N, C-alpha and C. Protein backbone atom coordinates (compact mmCIF):
# COMPACT_ATOMS: atom_id res chain seq x y z
N UNK A 1 -4.67 -13.31 -1.40
CA UNK A 1 -3.63 -12.36 -1.35
C UNK A 1 -2.43 -12.92 -0.88
N UNK A 2 -1.31 -12.46 -1.17
CA UNK A 2 0.01 -12.91 -0.64
C UNK A 2 0.08 -12.64 0.81
N UNK A 3 0.88 -13.49 1.56
CA UNK A 3 1.07 -13.31 2.86
C UNK A 3 2.20 -12.16 3.04
N UNK A 4 1.98 -11.26 3.95
CA UNK A 4 2.90 -10.11 4.14
C UNK A 4 3.35 -10.28 5.61
N UNK A 5 4.68 -10.43 5.84
CA UNK A 5 5.23 -10.62 7.16
C UNK A 5 6.37 -9.59 7.30
N UNK A 6 7.29 -9.78 6.44
CA UNK A 6 8.44 -8.79 6.39
C UNK A 6 8.98 -8.49 5.04
N UNK A 7 9.21 -7.23 4.76
CA UNK A 7 9.65 -6.80 3.52
C UNK A 7 10.94 -6.03 3.56
N UNK A 8 11.93 -6.39 2.74
CA UNK A 8 13.20 -5.82 2.64
C UNK A 8 13.36 -5.29 1.16
N UNK A 9 13.40 -4.10 1.00
CA UNK A 9 13.42 -3.58 -0.37
C UNK A 9 13.98 -2.09 -0.40
N UNK A 10 14.41 -1.81 -1.64
CA UNK A 10 14.67 -0.39 -1.87
C UNK A 10 13.39 0.44 -2.13
N UNK A 11 13.46 1.62 -2.21
CA UNK A 11 12.23 2.46 -2.32
C UNK A 11 12.18 3.50 -3.37
N UNK A 12 11.12 4.05 -3.77
CA UNK A 12 10.98 5.03 -4.74
C UNK A 12 10.53 6.37 -3.99
N UNK A 13 11.28 7.39 -4.04
CA UNK A 13 10.86 8.59 -3.35
C UNK A 13 9.98 9.47 -4.28
N UNK A 14 8.79 9.87 -3.73
CA UNK A 14 7.82 10.81 -4.39
C UNK A 14 7.36 11.89 -3.48
N UNK A 15 8.24 12.87 -3.22
CA UNK A 15 8.04 13.86 -2.17
C UNK A 15 7.05 14.85 -2.65
N UNK A 16 5.78 14.51 -3.08
CA UNK A 16 4.82 15.42 -3.46
C UNK A 16 3.59 15.27 -2.53
N UNK A 17 2.97 16.38 -1.97
CA UNK A 17 1.89 16.35 -1.08
C UNK A 17 0.52 16.28 -1.83
N UNK A 18 -0.53 15.72 -1.11
CA UNK A 18 -1.88 15.83 -1.58
C UNK A 18 -1.97 15.03 -3.07
N UNK A 19 -1.35 13.95 -3.25
CA UNK A 19 -1.54 13.05 -4.40
C UNK A 19 -2.86 12.43 -4.26
N UNK A 20 -3.71 12.87 -5.22
CA UNK A 20 -5.08 12.29 -5.26
C UNK A 20 -5.19 11.13 -6.05
N UNK A 21 -6.43 10.41 -6.07
CA UNK A 21 -6.61 9.16 -6.78
C UNK A 21 -6.66 9.27 -8.28
N UNK A 22 -6.98 10.48 -8.78
CA UNK A 22 -7.03 10.82 -10.08
C UNK A 22 -5.66 10.90 -10.63
N UNK A 23 -4.68 11.34 -9.82
CA UNK A 23 -3.36 11.44 -10.30
C UNK A 23 -2.72 10.05 -10.30
N UNK A 24 -3.10 9.24 -9.38
CA UNK A 24 -2.64 7.87 -9.21
C UNK A 24 -3.03 7.04 -10.44
N UNK A 25 -4.39 7.10 -10.76
CA UNK A 25 -4.96 6.38 -11.95
C UNK A 25 -5.98 7.36 -12.48
N UNK A 26 -5.75 7.96 -13.61
CA UNK A 26 -6.78 8.95 -14.27
C UNK A 26 -8.10 8.25 -14.52
N UNK A 27 -9.21 9.01 -14.46
CA UNK A 27 -10.54 8.53 -14.68
C UNK A 27 -10.74 7.82 -15.88
N UNK A 28 -10.05 8.25 -16.97
CA UNK A 28 -10.27 7.58 -18.32
C UNK A 28 -9.96 6.18 -18.30
N UNK A 29 -9.18 5.50 -17.41
CA UNK A 29 -8.79 4.25 -17.33
C UNK A 29 -9.68 3.34 -16.50
N UNK A 30 -10.82 3.88 -15.95
CA UNK A 30 -11.54 3.14 -15.08
C UNK A 30 -12.67 2.36 -15.74
N UNK A 31 -12.74 2.16 -17.02
CA UNK A 31 -13.82 1.56 -17.65
C UNK A 31 -13.77 -0.01 -17.60
N UNK A 32 -12.75 -0.64 -17.03
CA UNK A 32 -12.70 -2.03 -16.79
C UNK A 32 -12.73 -2.32 -15.38
N UNK A 33 -13.07 -3.62 -15.06
CA UNK A 33 -13.25 -4.06 -13.81
C UNK A 33 -12.14 -5.09 -13.33
N UNK A 34 -11.44 -5.54 -14.36
CA UNK A 34 -10.36 -6.49 -14.10
C UNK A 34 -9.12 -5.74 -13.55
N UNK A 35 -8.59 -6.17 -12.53
CA UNK A 35 -7.46 -5.57 -11.79
C UNK A 35 -6.12 -5.54 -12.70
N UNK A 36 -6.00 -6.48 -13.56
CA UNK A 36 -4.75 -6.74 -14.27
C UNK A 36 -4.56 -5.57 -15.32
N UNK A 37 -3.32 -5.11 -15.27
CA UNK A 37 -2.90 -4.15 -16.18
C UNK A 37 -3.07 -2.68 -15.88
N UNK A 38 -3.56 -2.46 -14.66
CA UNK A 38 -3.72 -1.10 -14.22
C UNK A 38 -2.43 -0.42 -13.94
N UNK A 39 -1.39 -1.28 -13.51
CA UNK A 39 0.00 -0.58 -13.23
C UNK A 39 0.61 0.07 -14.51
N UNK A 40 0.19 -0.27 -15.73
CA UNK A 40 0.62 0.28 -16.86
C UNK A 40 0.27 1.77 -16.92
N UNK A 41 -0.79 2.20 -16.15
CA UNK A 41 -1.34 3.49 -16.29
C UNK A 41 -1.27 4.25 -14.91
N UNK A 42 -0.45 3.67 -13.98
CA UNK A 42 -0.18 4.32 -12.70
C UNK A 42 0.63 5.67 -12.94
N UNK A 43 0.06 6.72 -12.32
CA UNK A 43 0.67 8.05 -12.60
C UNK A 43 0.86 8.42 -14.15
N UNK A 44 -0.18 8.03 -14.84
CA UNK A 44 -0.03 8.10 -16.37
C UNK A 44 0.29 9.42 -16.77
N UNK A 45 -0.31 10.50 -16.32
CA UNK A 45 -0.13 11.84 -16.80
C UNK A 45 1.13 12.42 -16.28
N UNK A 46 1.87 11.86 -15.34
CA UNK A 46 2.99 12.19 -14.77
C UNK A 46 4.10 11.42 -15.52
N UNK A 47 3.89 10.29 -15.96
CA UNK A 47 4.89 9.44 -16.56
C UNK A 47 5.07 9.62 -18.02
N UNK A 48 4.04 10.13 -18.70
CA UNK A 48 4.00 10.18 -20.19
C UNK A 48 3.49 11.61 -20.63
N UNK A 49 4.06 12.13 -21.75
CA UNK A 49 3.47 13.35 -22.18
C UNK A 49 2.34 13.02 -23.26
N UNK A 50 1.83 14.10 -23.86
CA UNK A 50 0.75 13.94 -24.72
C UNK A 50 0.99 13.07 -26.01
N UNK A 51 2.23 12.93 -26.28
CA UNK A 51 2.76 12.12 -27.40
C UNK A 51 3.07 10.65 -27.00
N UNK A 52 2.72 10.41 -25.71
CA UNK A 52 3.00 9.00 -25.12
C UNK A 52 4.54 8.67 -24.93
N UNK A 53 5.24 9.72 -24.84
CA UNK A 53 6.69 9.60 -24.50
C UNK A 53 7.03 9.71 -23.10
N UNK A 54 7.93 8.95 -22.57
CA UNK A 54 8.35 8.99 -21.12
C UNK A 54 8.80 10.36 -20.77
N UNK A 55 8.32 10.82 -19.61
CA UNK A 55 8.75 12.06 -18.95
C UNK A 55 9.98 11.72 -18.07
N UNK A 56 11.22 12.01 -18.53
CA UNK A 56 12.43 11.49 -17.83
C UNK A 56 12.52 12.08 -16.54
N UNK A 57 11.98 13.25 -16.26
CA UNK A 57 12.14 13.84 -14.98
C UNK A 57 11.14 13.16 -13.90
N UNK A 58 10.32 12.35 -14.27
CA UNK A 58 9.45 11.76 -13.20
C UNK A 58 10.05 10.54 -12.71
N UNK A 59 10.05 10.38 -11.35
CA UNK A 59 10.71 9.33 -10.56
C UNK A 59 10.56 7.91 -11.07
N UNK A 60 9.39 7.61 -11.55
CA UNK A 60 9.17 6.18 -12.09
C UNK A 60 9.90 5.88 -13.27
N UNK A 61 10.36 6.94 -14.03
CA UNK A 61 11.05 6.86 -15.17
C UNK A 61 12.64 6.95 -15.01
N UNK A 62 12.95 7.13 -13.83
CA UNK A 62 14.44 7.18 -13.31
C UNK A 62 14.92 5.85 -13.06
N UNK A 63 15.89 5.19 -13.74
CA UNK A 63 16.32 3.87 -13.53
C UNK A 63 17.01 3.75 -12.24
N UNK A 64 17.46 4.70 -11.70
CA UNK A 64 18.27 4.71 -10.36
C UNK A 64 17.30 4.47 -9.05
N UNK A 65 16.05 4.57 -9.29
CA UNK A 65 15.07 4.22 -8.25
C UNK A 65 14.22 3.12 -8.67
N UNK A 66 14.03 2.18 -7.70
CA UNK A 66 13.16 1.06 -7.85
C UNK A 66 12.78 0.46 -6.52
N UNK A 67 12.01 -0.57 -6.55
CA UNK A 67 11.57 -1.18 -5.31
C UNK A 67 10.24 -1.54 -5.08
N UNK A 68 9.75 -2.08 -4.02
CA UNK A 68 8.43 -2.40 -3.75
C UNK A 68 7.82 -1.34 -2.76
N UNK A 69 8.49 -0.30 -2.41
CA UNK A 69 8.07 0.63 -1.46
C UNK A 69 8.03 2.00 -2.04
N UNK A 70 6.89 2.73 -2.04
CA UNK A 70 6.80 4.02 -2.44
C UNK A 70 6.70 5.00 -1.28
N UNK A 71 7.54 5.89 -1.25
CA UNK A 71 7.63 6.87 -0.17
C UNK A 71 7.08 8.17 -0.56
N UNK A 72 5.94 8.59 -0.24
CA UNK A 72 5.28 9.72 -0.80
C UNK A 72 5.04 10.91 0.18
N UNK A 73 4.67 12.03 -0.32
CA UNK A 73 4.29 13.13 0.61
C UNK A 73 3.05 13.07 1.41
N UNK A 74 2.88 13.98 2.15
CA UNK A 74 1.73 14.17 3.00
C UNK A 74 0.37 13.95 2.26
N UNK A 75 -0.64 13.44 2.96
CA UNK A 75 -2.01 13.28 2.46
C UNK A 75 -2.16 12.64 1.20
N UNK A 76 -1.60 11.24 1.12
CA UNK A 76 -1.56 10.38 -0.03
C UNK A 76 -3.05 9.73 -0.24
N UNK A 77 -3.57 9.71 -1.46
CA UNK A 77 -4.74 9.00 -1.71
C UNK A 77 -6.05 9.84 -1.54
N UNK A 78 -5.94 11.11 -1.44
CA UNK A 78 -7.05 11.94 -1.24
C UNK A 78 -7.87 12.04 -2.61
N UNK A 79 -8.97 12.68 -2.43
CA UNK A 79 -9.82 12.73 -3.74
C UNK A 79 -10.91 11.66 -3.77
N UNK A 80 -11.34 11.10 -4.84
CA UNK A 80 -12.26 10.15 -5.08
C UNK A 80 -12.05 8.88 -4.37
N UNK A 81 -13.03 8.12 -4.26
CA UNK A 81 -12.89 6.89 -3.34
C UNK A 81 -12.51 5.70 -4.27
N UNK A 82 -12.11 5.84 -5.52
CA UNK A 82 -11.91 4.75 -6.49
C UNK A 82 -10.92 3.68 -5.97
N UNK A 83 -11.38 2.46 -5.89
CA UNK A 83 -10.44 1.36 -5.48
C UNK A 83 -9.43 1.04 -6.46
N UNK A 84 -9.55 1.55 -7.69
CA UNK A 84 -8.67 1.26 -8.84
C UNK A 84 -7.23 1.86 -8.50
N UNK A 85 -7.29 2.93 -7.59
CA UNK A 85 -5.97 3.53 -7.17
C UNK A 85 -5.07 2.31 -6.56
N UNK A 86 -5.67 1.63 -5.61
CA UNK A 86 -4.89 0.58 -4.97
C UNK A 86 -4.58 -0.46 -5.87
N UNK A 87 -5.45 -0.86 -6.94
CA UNK A 87 -5.21 -1.73 -7.93
C UNK A 87 -3.88 -1.44 -8.73
N UNK A 88 -3.91 -0.17 -9.15
CA UNK A 88 -2.78 0.37 -9.93
C UNK A 88 -1.38 0.28 -9.31
N UNK A 89 -1.48 0.67 -7.97
CA UNK A 89 -0.22 0.62 -7.29
C UNK A 89 0.22 -0.75 -7.02
N UNK A 90 -0.59 -1.73 -6.70
CA UNK A 90 -0.29 -3.16 -6.53
C UNK A 90 0.15 -3.83 -7.76
N UNK A 91 -0.60 -3.53 -8.80
CA UNK A 91 -0.34 -4.08 -10.13
C UNK A 91 1.13 -3.69 -10.71
N UNK A 92 1.42 -2.42 -10.31
CA UNK A 92 2.74 -2.01 -10.75
C UNK A 92 3.93 -2.63 -9.96
N UNK A 93 3.54 -3.13 -8.74
CA UNK A 93 4.54 -3.91 -7.97
C UNK A 93 4.83 -3.40 -6.67
N UNK A 94 4.11 -2.32 -6.18
CA UNK A 94 4.36 -1.74 -4.89
C UNK A 94 3.55 -2.70 -3.82
N UNK A 95 4.28 -2.79 -2.71
CA UNK A 95 3.66 -3.56 -1.61
C UNK A 95 3.41 -2.74 -0.35
N UNK A 96 4.12 -1.62 -0.25
CA UNK A 96 3.97 -0.70 0.82
C UNK A 96 3.94 0.79 0.23
N UNK A 97 3.18 1.61 0.92
CA UNK A 97 3.21 2.99 0.73
C UNK A 97 3.46 3.72 1.98
N UNK A 98 4.44 4.66 1.99
CA UNK A 98 4.71 5.39 3.24
C UNK A 98 4.33 6.84 3.08
N UNK A 99 3.70 7.34 4.08
CA UNK A 99 3.35 8.72 3.98
C UNK A 99 3.05 9.23 5.49
N UNK A 100 2.88 10.48 5.61
CA UNK A 100 2.67 11.03 7.01
C UNK A 100 1.16 11.22 7.25
N UNK A 101 0.36 10.97 6.16
CA UNK A 101 -1.13 10.87 6.34
C UNK A 101 -1.72 10.26 5.07
N UNK A 102 -2.83 9.43 5.24
CA UNK A 102 -3.54 8.76 4.11
C UNK A 102 -4.94 9.10 4.40
N UNK A 103 -5.65 9.34 3.19
CA UNK A 103 -7.02 9.52 3.17
C UNK A 103 -7.65 8.28 3.64
N UNK A 104 -8.69 8.27 4.49
CA UNK A 104 -9.24 7.00 5.04
C UNK A 104 -9.73 6.01 4.16
N UNK A 105 -10.47 6.46 3.05
CA UNK A 105 -11.00 5.54 2.17
C UNK A 105 -9.88 4.78 1.34
N UNK A 106 -8.89 5.68 0.87
CA UNK A 106 -7.76 4.92 0.29
C UNK A 106 -7.08 3.99 1.07
N UNK A 107 -6.90 4.34 2.47
CA UNK A 107 -6.25 3.38 3.34
C UNK A 107 -6.96 2.06 3.36
N UNK A 108 -8.37 2.08 3.55
CA UNK A 108 -9.21 0.89 3.57
C UNK A 108 -9.06 0.06 2.30
N UNK A 109 -9.06 0.80 1.11
CA UNK A 109 -8.91 0.12 -0.24
C UNK A 109 -7.59 -0.57 -0.23
N UNK A 110 -6.53 0.07 0.17
CA UNK A 110 -5.24 -0.44 0.10
C UNK A 110 -5.11 -1.70 0.94
N UNK A 111 -5.53 -1.74 2.14
CA UNK A 111 -5.38 -2.90 3.08
C UNK A 111 -6.24 -4.01 2.52
N UNK A 112 -7.44 -3.72 1.74
CA UNK A 112 -8.24 -4.75 1.20
C UNK A 112 -7.66 -5.43 0.10
N UNK A 113 -6.64 -4.75 -0.53
CA UNK A 113 -5.95 -5.30 -1.67
C UNK A 113 -4.49 -5.64 -1.44
N UNK A 114 -4.11 -5.87 -0.15
CA UNK A 114 -2.80 -6.36 0.10
C UNK A 114 -1.72 -5.34 0.08
N UNK A 115 -2.01 -4.01 0.09
CA UNK A 115 -1.18 -2.96 -0.03
C UNK A 115 -1.04 -2.37 1.35
N UNK A 116 0.09 -2.26 1.95
CA UNK A 116 0.25 -1.79 3.35
C UNK A 116 0.51 -0.23 3.32
N UNK A 117 -0.38 0.50 3.90
CA UNK A 117 -0.13 1.94 4.06
C UNK A 117 0.51 2.16 5.44
N UNK A 118 1.72 2.71 5.35
CA UNK A 118 2.50 3.02 6.74
C UNK A 118 2.44 4.46 6.91
N UNK A 119 1.75 4.92 8.02
CA UNK A 119 1.73 6.28 8.39
C UNK A 119 2.83 6.61 9.47
N UNK A 120 3.69 7.51 9.16
CA UNK A 120 4.77 7.94 9.85
C UNK A 120 4.76 9.34 10.33
N UNK A 121 5.57 9.71 11.17
CA UNK A 121 5.51 11.22 11.65
C UNK A 121 6.10 12.03 10.43
N UNK A 122 5.78 13.33 10.30
CA UNK A 122 6.40 14.18 9.36
C UNK A 122 7.86 14.31 9.30
N UNK A 123 8.43 14.29 10.46
CA UNK A 123 9.86 14.38 10.67
C UNK A 123 10.59 13.07 10.16
N UNK A 124 10.06 11.94 10.51
CA UNK A 124 10.56 10.65 10.04
C UNK A 124 10.42 10.62 8.51
N UNK A 125 9.35 10.92 7.98
CA UNK A 125 9.14 10.92 6.48
C UNK A 125 10.24 11.84 5.81
N UNK A 126 10.46 13.06 6.34
CA UNK A 126 11.36 13.90 5.74
C UNK A 126 12.64 13.33 5.66
N UNK A 127 13.07 12.67 6.79
CA UNK A 127 14.45 11.92 6.86
C UNK A 127 14.59 10.79 5.95
N UNK A 128 13.51 10.11 5.84
CA UNK A 128 13.55 8.91 5.02
C UNK A 128 13.66 9.28 3.49
N UNK A 129 12.89 10.28 3.07
CA UNK A 129 12.94 10.77 1.74
C UNK A 129 14.35 11.26 1.43
N UNK A 130 14.90 12.02 2.32
CA UNK A 130 16.28 12.55 2.05
C UNK A 130 17.31 11.47 1.89
N UNK A 131 17.27 10.42 2.69
CA UNK A 131 18.14 9.28 2.66
C UNK A 131 18.01 8.47 1.33
N UNK A 132 16.79 8.23 0.88
CA UNK A 132 16.49 7.54 -0.34
C UNK A 132 17.01 8.38 -1.59
N UNK A 133 16.73 9.67 -1.53
CA UNK A 133 17.16 10.56 -2.69
C UNK A 133 18.74 10.57 -2.76
N UNK A 134 19.40 10.58 -1.61
CA UNK A 134 20.88 10.56 -1.66
C UNK A 134 21.54 9.20 -1.85
N UNK A 135 20.77 8.23 -1.42
CA UNK A 135 21.33 6.82 -1.52
C UNK A 135 20.27 5.86 -2.08
N UNK A 136 19.97 5.93 -3.43
CA UNK A 136 18.92 5.17 -4.03
C UNK A 136 18.90 3.68 -3.84
N UNK A 137 20.10 3.04 -3.48
CA UNK A 137 20.06 1.61 -3.39
C UNK A 137 19.95 1.22 -1.82
N UNK A 138 19.72 2.14 -1.02
CA UNK A 138 19.61 1.71 0.48
C UNK A 138 18.14 0.84 0.49
N UNK A 139 18.24 0.12 1.52
CA UNK A 139 17.09 -0.74 1.84
C UNK A 139 16.32 -0.33 2.98
N UNK A 140 14.96 -0.40 2.85
CA UNK A 140 14.12 -0.19 3.97
C UNK A 140 13.51 -1.52 4.50
N UNK A 141 13.39 -1.73 5.69
CA UNK A 141 12.80 -2.94 6.32
C UNK A 141 11.55 -2.78 6.94
N UNK A 142 10.47 -3.36 6.45
CA UNK A 142 9.13 -3.29 7.04
C UNK A 142 8.90 -4.65 7.71
N UNK A 143 8.67 -4.58 9.06
CA UNK A 143 8.34 -5.73 9.86
C UNK A 143 6.88 -5.57 10.23
N UNK A 144 5.85 -6.28 9.55
CA UNK A 144 4.54 -6.04 9.98
C UNK A 144 4.15 -6.75 11.42
N UNK A 145 4.85 -7.83 11.86
CA UNK A 145 4.46 -8.45 13.08
C UNK A 145 4.89 -7.42 14.10
N UNK A 146 6.15 -6.70 14.09
CA UNK A 146 6.55 -5.89 14.99
C UNK A 146 6.02 -4.42 14.85
N UNK A 147 5.41 -4.27 13.66
CA UNK A 147 4.92 -2.78 13.25
C UNK A 147 5.94 -1.75 13.29
N UNK A 148 7.07 -2.10 12.66
CA UNK A 148 8.26 -1.22 12.50
C UNK A 148 8.57 -0.91 11.06
N UNK A 149 9.06 0.18 10.88
CA UNK A 149 9.76 0.52 9.53
C UNK A 149 11.11 1.12 9.91
N UNK A 150 12.05 0.64 9.21
CA UNK A 150 13.54 1.13 9.54
C UNK A 150 14.41 1.21 8.23
N UNK A 151 15.31 2.09 8.33
CA UNK A 151 16.19 2.27 7.13
C UNK A 151 17.48 1.49 7.57
N UNK A 152 17.94 0.53 6.75
CA UNK A 152 19.12 -0.29 6.95
C UNK A 152 20.35 0.65 7.20
N UNK A 153 21.31 0.30 8.19
CA UNK A 153 22.44 0.86 8.44
C UNK A 153 22.25 2.33 8.91
N UNK A 154 21.06 2.73 9.51
CA UNK A 154 21.06 4.05 10.02
C UNK A 154 20.22 3.84 11.41
N UNK A 155 20.07 5.02 11.93
CA UNK A 155 19.33 5.02 13.24
C UNK A 155 17.80 5.32 13.01
N UNK A 156 17.47 5.36 11.76
CA UNK A 156 16.04 5.60 11.47
C UNK A 156 15.15 4.50 11.56
N UNK A 157 14.26 4.55 12.52
CA UNK A 157 13.24 3.59 12.89
C UNK A 157 12.02 4.12 13.58
N UNK A 158 10.91 3.65 13.16
CA UNK A 158 9.63 4.14 13.71
C UNK A 158 8.60 3.09 13.65
N UNK A 159 7.79 3.06 14.74
CA UNK A 159 6.57 2.14 14.76
C UNK A 159 5.52 2.69 14.12
N UNK A 160 4.55 1.86 13.58
CA UNK A 160 3.36 2.35 12.91
C UNK A 160 2.12 1.53 13.50
N UNK A 161 1.02 2.19 13.30
CA UNK A 161 -0.31 1.58 13.76
C UNK A 161 -0.99 0.80 12.59
N UNK A 162 -1.77 -0.28 12.89
CA UNK A 162 -2.47 -0.89 11.88
C UNK A 162 -3.68 -1.64 12.48
N UNK A 163 -4.83 -1.66 11.98
CA UNK A 163 -6.01 -2.37 12.53
C UNK A 163 -5.68 -3.80 12.81
N UNK A 164 -6.03 -4.16 13.96
CA UNK A 164 -5.67 -5.58 14.31
C UNK A 164 -6.17 -6.67 13.44
N UNK A 165 -7.39 -6.47 13.00
CA UNK A 165 -8.06 -7.49 11.96
C UNK A 165 -7.25 -7.46 10.61
N UNK A 166 -6.95 -6.17 10.20
CA UNK A 166 -6.30 -6.09 8.96
C UNK A 166 -4.87 -6.69 8.98
N UNK A 167 -4.26 -6.45 10.17
CA UNK A 167 -2.83 -7.03 10.31
C UNK A 167 -2.87 -8.63 10.20
N UNK A 168 -3.89 -9.23 10.92
CA UNK A 168 -4.07 -10.54 10.92
C UNK A 168 -4.38 -11.18 9.50
N UNK A 169 -5.09 -10.41 8.66
CA UNK A 169 -5.51 -10.89 7.30
C UNK A 169 -4.13 -10.74 6.46
N UNK A 170 -3.41 -9.63 6.58
CA UNK A 170 -2.24 -9.52 5.88
C UNK A 170 -1.17 -10.54 6.05
N UNK A 171 -0.97 -10.79 7.36
CA UNK A 171 0.03 -11.82 7.70
C UNK A 171 -0.25 -13.24 7.13
N UNK A 172 -1.71 -13.55 7.13
CA UNK A 172 -2.01 -14.76 6.74
C UNK A 172 -2.51 -14.83 5.23
N UNK A 173 -2.41 -13.75 4.52
CA UNK A 173 -2.84 -13.69 3.22
C UNK A 173 -4.30 -13.81 2.99
N UNK A 174 -5.10 -13.30 3.88
CA UNK A 174 -6.59 -13.46 3.84
C UNK A 174 -7.24 -12.27 3.27
N UNK A 175 -8.23 -12.41 2.48
CA UNK A 175 -9.24 -11.27 2.26
C UNK A 175 -10.32 -11.72 3.23
N UNK A 176 -11.41 -10.83 3.18
CA UNK A 176 -12.55 -11.00 4.15
C UNK A 176 -13.20 -12.41 4.02
N UNK A 177 -13.29 -12.94 2.83
CA UNK A 177 -13.83 -14.14 2.72
C UNK A 177 -13.03 -15.29 3.22
N UNK A 178 -11.77 -15.14 2.91
CA UNK A 178 -10.75 -16.24 3.48
C UNK A 178 -10.73 -16.21 4.93
N UNK A 179 -10.93 -15.00 5.61
CA UNK A 179 -10.99 -15.01 7.08
C UNK A 179 -12.18 -15.72 7.61
N UNK A 180 -13.28 -15.62 6.85
CA UNK A 180 -14.50 -16.29 7.37
C UNK A 180 -14.37 -17.74 7.23
N UNK A 181 -13.66 -18.12 6.05
CA UNK A 181 -13.46 -19.61 5.77
C UNK A 181 -12.45 -20.12 6.84
N UNK A 182 -11.55 -19.44 7.28
CA UNK A 182 -10.62 -19.87 8.20
C UNK A 182 -11.12 -20.09 9.63
N UNK A 183 -12.39 -19.52 9.81
CA UNK A 183 -13.14 -19.72 11.07
C UNK A 183 -14.39 -20.63 10.91
N UNK A 184 -14.37 -21.39 9.81
CA UNK A 184 -15.64 -22.17 9.53
C UNK A 184 -15.95 -23.07 10.63
N UNK A 185 -15.06 -23.76 11.23
CA UNK A 185 -15.44 -24.74 12.32
C UNK A 185 -15.98 -24.00 13.44
N UNK A 186 -15.39 -22.87 13.88
CA UNK A 186 -15.85 -22.06 14.97
C UNK A 186 -17.36 -21.52 14.67
N UNK A 187 -17.52 -21.16 13.46
CA UNK A 187 -18.80 -20.73 13.03
C UNK A 187 -19.91 -21.81 13.11
N UNK A 188 -19.49 -22.96 12.68
CA UNK A 188 -20.39 -24.13 12.79
C UNK A 188 -20.63 -24.50 14.05
N UNK A 189 -19.72 -24.56 14.94
CA UNK A 189 -19.96 -24.84 16.33
C UNK A 189 -20.90 -23.88 17.00
N UNK A 190 -20.60 -22.64 16.80
CA UNK A 190 -21.53 -21.57 17.29
C UNK A 190 -22.95 -21.77 16.92
N UNK A 191 -23.15 -22.02 15.55
CA UNK A 191 -24.45 -22.20 15.01
C UNK A 191 -25.20 -23.38 15.73
N UNK A 192 -24.54 -24.55 15.91
CA UNK A 192 -25.00 -25.63 16.45
C UNK A 192 -25.48 -25.42 17.88
N UNK A 193 -24.58 -24.77 18.66
CA UNK A 193 -24.93 -24.43 20.04
C UNK A 193 -26.06 -23.37 20.21
N UNK A 194 -26.11 -22.43 19.27
CA UNK A 194 -27.20 -21.56 19.18
C UNK A 194 -28.58 -22.18 18.86
N UNK A 195 -28.51 -23.14 17.93
CA UNK A 195 -29.73 -23.94 17.62
C UNK A 195 -30.25 -24.78 18.83
N UNK A 196 -29.32 -25.43 19.42
CA UNK A 196 -29.55 -26.25 20.56
C UNK A 196 -30.16 -25.38 21.75
N UNK A 197 -29.55 -24.29 21.93
CA UNK A 197 -29.96 -23.40 23.04
C UNK A 197 -31.49 -22.94 22.80
N UNK A 198 -31.77 -22.71 21.53
CA UNK A 198 -33.02 -22.17 21.01
C UNK A 198 -34.14 -23.23 21.22
N UNK A 199 -33.83 -24.39 20.92
CA UNK A 199 -34.80 -25.50 21.04
C UNK A 199 -35.15 -25.76 22.38
N UNK A 200 -34.11 -25.60 23.31
CA UNK A 200 -34.27 -25.92 24.70
C UNK A 200 -35.30 -24.87 25.32
């Protein structure tokens, strides 16, 4: 995975509550196991009509909004446990999802795929969505080391929580296997000491 330390980007506002994983990536697109190309079908039924034409009213089809941060409504990622939802979001280009609540399984899947879910207070979320909608080119600053999210040139700033292990992995660009490999020498030393102690 790519290292994630700090992100400075515009954001896409999606003020819809209870967005489930079937809305993020419809079940009919889950027949493949390769992560590549899932972004093409992100929010497929919201982005396109039955004739495969873009629905201009949907935010991802609005050229004034872009960026690597998706700011969504409360309870994002509910529904089924499909990891494909995280694949679709990352393949589309999102690095961060902001909401006032995330479904636990989605949060885990996101972190395992290098996608940072930032949970903020409902009040902060409301303010950020309003600012983005009124000023599409405004930048958000995500500092993973400091665990802060702020809106440039405003007083809007809030800290967020993240599992210590997942934070370490994201900062270093590790998946679980990479983390084990990074501790190879410590593991080998432990094993040698354990064997020596057992023999004695």
